[in-house]
């Protein structure tokens, strides 16, 4: 599992991006499924790294910062959209 973490993470990010693009272009909810599967893959990698904190400490801190920024952007987007 350890040697495939990067590939799993990249696959999850690509699936999330593809799902987002599908949702924006088609206007349907079909893009939700690739997003859900991409998030699932990303969570698997996140949990593995969390249980091996000492080995992946730098990546975990970067991941936490990225997630916090994404949440802040989503909240800002929700508050400003009318």
C-alpha atoms as a PDB file:
ATOM      1  CA  UNK A   1       0.000   0.000   0.000  1.00  0.00           C
ATOM      2  CA  UNK A   2       2.811   2.346   0.918  1.00  0.00           C
ATOM      3  CA  UNK A   3       4.277   2.500  -2.582  1.00  0.00           C
ATOM      4  CA  UNK A   4       0.875   3.226  -4.170  1.00  0.00           C
ATOM      5  CA  UNK A   5      -0.202   6.085  -1.901  1.00  0.00           C
ATOM      6  CA  UNK A   6       0.766   8.812  -4.336  1.00  0.00           C
ATOM      7  CA  UNK A   7      -1.015   7.128  -7.256  1.00  0.00           C
ATOM      8  CA  UNK A   8      -4.186   6.619  -5.204  1.00  0.00           C
ATOM      9  CA  UNK A   9      -4.104  10.242  -4.056  1.00  0.00           C
ATOM     10  CA  UNK A  10      -3.589  11.604  -7.580  1.00  0.00           C
ATOM     11  CA  UNK A  11      -6.371   9.346  -8.917  1.00  0.00           C
ATOM     12  CA  UNK A  12      -8.737  10.705  -6.277  1.00  0.00           C
ATOM     13  CA  UNK A  13      -7.878  14.309  -7.094  1.00  0.00           C
ATOM     14  CA  UNK A  14      -8.343  13.697 -10.821  1.00  0.00           C
ATOM     15  CA  UNK A  15     -11.718  12.045 -10.221  1.00  0.00           C
ATOM     16  CA  UNK A  16     -12.844  14.972  -8.060  1.00  0.00           C
ATOM     17  CA  UNK A  17     -11.765  17.423 -10.756  1.00  0.00           C
ATOM     18  CA  UNK A  18     -13.459  15.432 -13.532  1.00  0.00           C
ATOM     19  CA  UNK A  19     -16.670  15.215 -11.520  1.00  0.00           C
ATOM     20  CA  UNK A  20     -16.584  18.954 -10.881  1.00  0.00           C
ATOM     21  CA  UNK A  21     -16.097  19.694 -14.587  1.00  0.00           C
ATOM     22  CA  UNK A  22     -18.913  17.306 -15.565  1.00  0.00           C
ATOM     23  CA  UNK A  23     -21.248  18.999 -13.090  1.00  0.00           C
ATOM     24  CA  UNK A  24     -20.342  22.463 -14.338  1.00  0.00           C
ATOM     25  CA  UNK A  25     -20.614  21.628 -18.047  1.00  0.00           C
ATOM     26  CA  UNK A  26     -23.681  19.400 -18.096  1.00  0.00           C
ATOM     27  CA  UNK A  27     -25.537  20.960 -15.193  1.00  0.00           C
ATOM     28  CA  UNK A  28     -26.635  17.499 -14.046  1.00  0.00           C
ATOM     29  CA  UNK A  29     -25.865  15.530 -10.929  1.00  0.00           C
ATOM     30  CA  UNK A  30     -23.934  12.890 -12.879  1.00  0.00           C
ATOM     31  CA  UNK A  31     -20.638  14.510 -11.830  1.00  0.00           C
ATOM     32  CA  UNK A  32     -21.357  13.831  -8.174  1.00  0.00           C
ATOM     33  CA  UNK A  33     -20.411  10.137  -8.463  1.00  0.00           C
ATOM     34  CA  UNK A  34     -16.827  10.679  -9.670  1.00  0.00           C
ATOM     35  CA  UNK A  35     -16.441  13.299  -6.929  1.00  0.00           C
ATOM     36  CA  UNK A  36     -17.682  10.899  -4.255  1.00  0.00           C
ATOM     37  CA  UNK A  37     -15.360   8.128  -5.446  1.00  0.00           C
ATOM     38  CA  UNK A  38     -12.416  10.570  -5.636  1.00  0.00           C
ATOM     39  CA  UNK A  39     -13.086  11.788  -2.104  1.00  0.00           C
ATOM     40  CA  UNK A  40     -13.307   8.161  -0.948  1.00  0.00           C
ATOM     41  CA  UNK A  41      -9.861   7.429  -2.436  1.00  0.00           C
ATOM     42  CA  UNK A  42      -8.429  10.573  -0.892  1.00  0.00           C
ATOM     43  CA  UNK A  43      -9.843   9.674   2.535  1.00  0.00           C
ATOM     44  CA  UNK A  44      -8.240   6.222   2.343  1.00  0.00           C
ATOM     45  CA  UNK A  45      -4.827   7.818   1.806  1.00  0.00           C
ATOM     46  CA  UNK A  46      -5.511  10.436   4.491  1.00  0.00           C
ATOM     47  CA  UNK A  47      -6.406   7.763   7.071  1.00  0.00           C
ATOM     48  CA  UNK A  48      -3.379   5.641   6.216  1.00  0.00           C
ATOM     49  CA  UNK A  49      -1.093   8.634   6.678  1.00  0.00           C
ATOM     50  CA  UNK A  50      -2.860   9.607   9.901  1.00  0.00           C
ATOM     51  CA  UNK A  51      -2.174   6.181  11.408  1.00  0.00           C
ATOM     52  CA  UNK A  52       1.492   6.505  10.373  1.00  0.00           C
ATOM     53  CA  UNK A  53       1.912  10.101  11.564  1.00  0.00           C
ATOM     54  CA  UNK A  54       5.660  10.067  12.259  1.00  0.00           C
ATOM     55  CA  UNK A  55       6.474   8.875   8.760  1.00  0.00           C
ATOM     56  CA  UNK A  56       4.106  11.301   6.966  1.00  0.00           C
ATOM     57  CA  UNK A  57       4.118  14.265   9.344  1.00  0.00           C
ATOM     58  CA  UNK A  58       4.980  16.874   6.712  1.00  0.00           C
ATOM     59  CA  UNK A  59       2.364  15.607   4.230  1.00  0.00           C
ATOM     60  CA  UNK A  60      -0.263  15.456   6.983  1.00  0.00           C
ATOM     61  CA  UNK A  61       0.333  19.077   7.981  1.00  0.00           C
ATOM     62  CA  UNK A  62       0.104  20.190   4.345  1.00  0.00           C
ATOM     63  CA  UNK A  63      -3.092  18.168   3.895  1.00  0.00           C
ATOM     64  CA  UNK A  64      -4.674  19.733   6.973  1.00  0.00           C
ATOM     65  CA  UNK A  65      -3.852  23.232   5.726  1.00  0.00           C
ATOM     66  CA  UNK A  66      -5.265  22.452   2.264  1.00  0.00           C
ATOM     67  CA  UNK A  67      -8.485  21.056   3.750  1.00  0.00           C
ATOM     68  CA  UNK A  68      -8.900  24.090   6.020  1.00  0.00           C
ATOM     69  CA  UNK A  69      -8.386  26.457   3.074  1.00  0.00           C
ATOM     70  CA  UNK A  70     -10.896  24.503   0.971  1.00  0.00           C
ATOM     71  CA  UNK A  71     -13.470  24.672   3.773  1.00  0.00           C
ATOM     72  CA  UNK A  72     -12.887  28.408   4.177  1.00  0.00           C
ATOM     73  CA  UNK A  73     -13.324  28.949   0.418  1.00  0.00           C
ATOM     74  CA  UNK A  74     -16.523  26.895   0.373  1.00  0.00           C
ATOM     75  CA  UNK A  75     -17.974  28.843   3.296  1.00  0.00           C
ATOM     76  CA  UNK A  76     -17.001  32.125   1.655  1.00  0.00           C
ATOM     77  CA  UNK A  77     -18.596  30.981  -1.598  1.00  0.00           C
ATOM     78  CA  UNK A  78     -21.810  29.966   0.189  1.00  0.00           C
ATOM     79  CA  UNK A  79     -22.035  33.287   2.042  1.00  0.00           C
ATOM     80  CA  UNK A  80     -21.446  35.463  -1.023  1.00  0.00           C
ATOM     81  CA  UNK A  81     -23.608  33.528  -3.500  1.00  0.00           C
ATOM     82  CA  UNK A  82     -27.161  34.822  -3.892  1.00  0.00           C
END
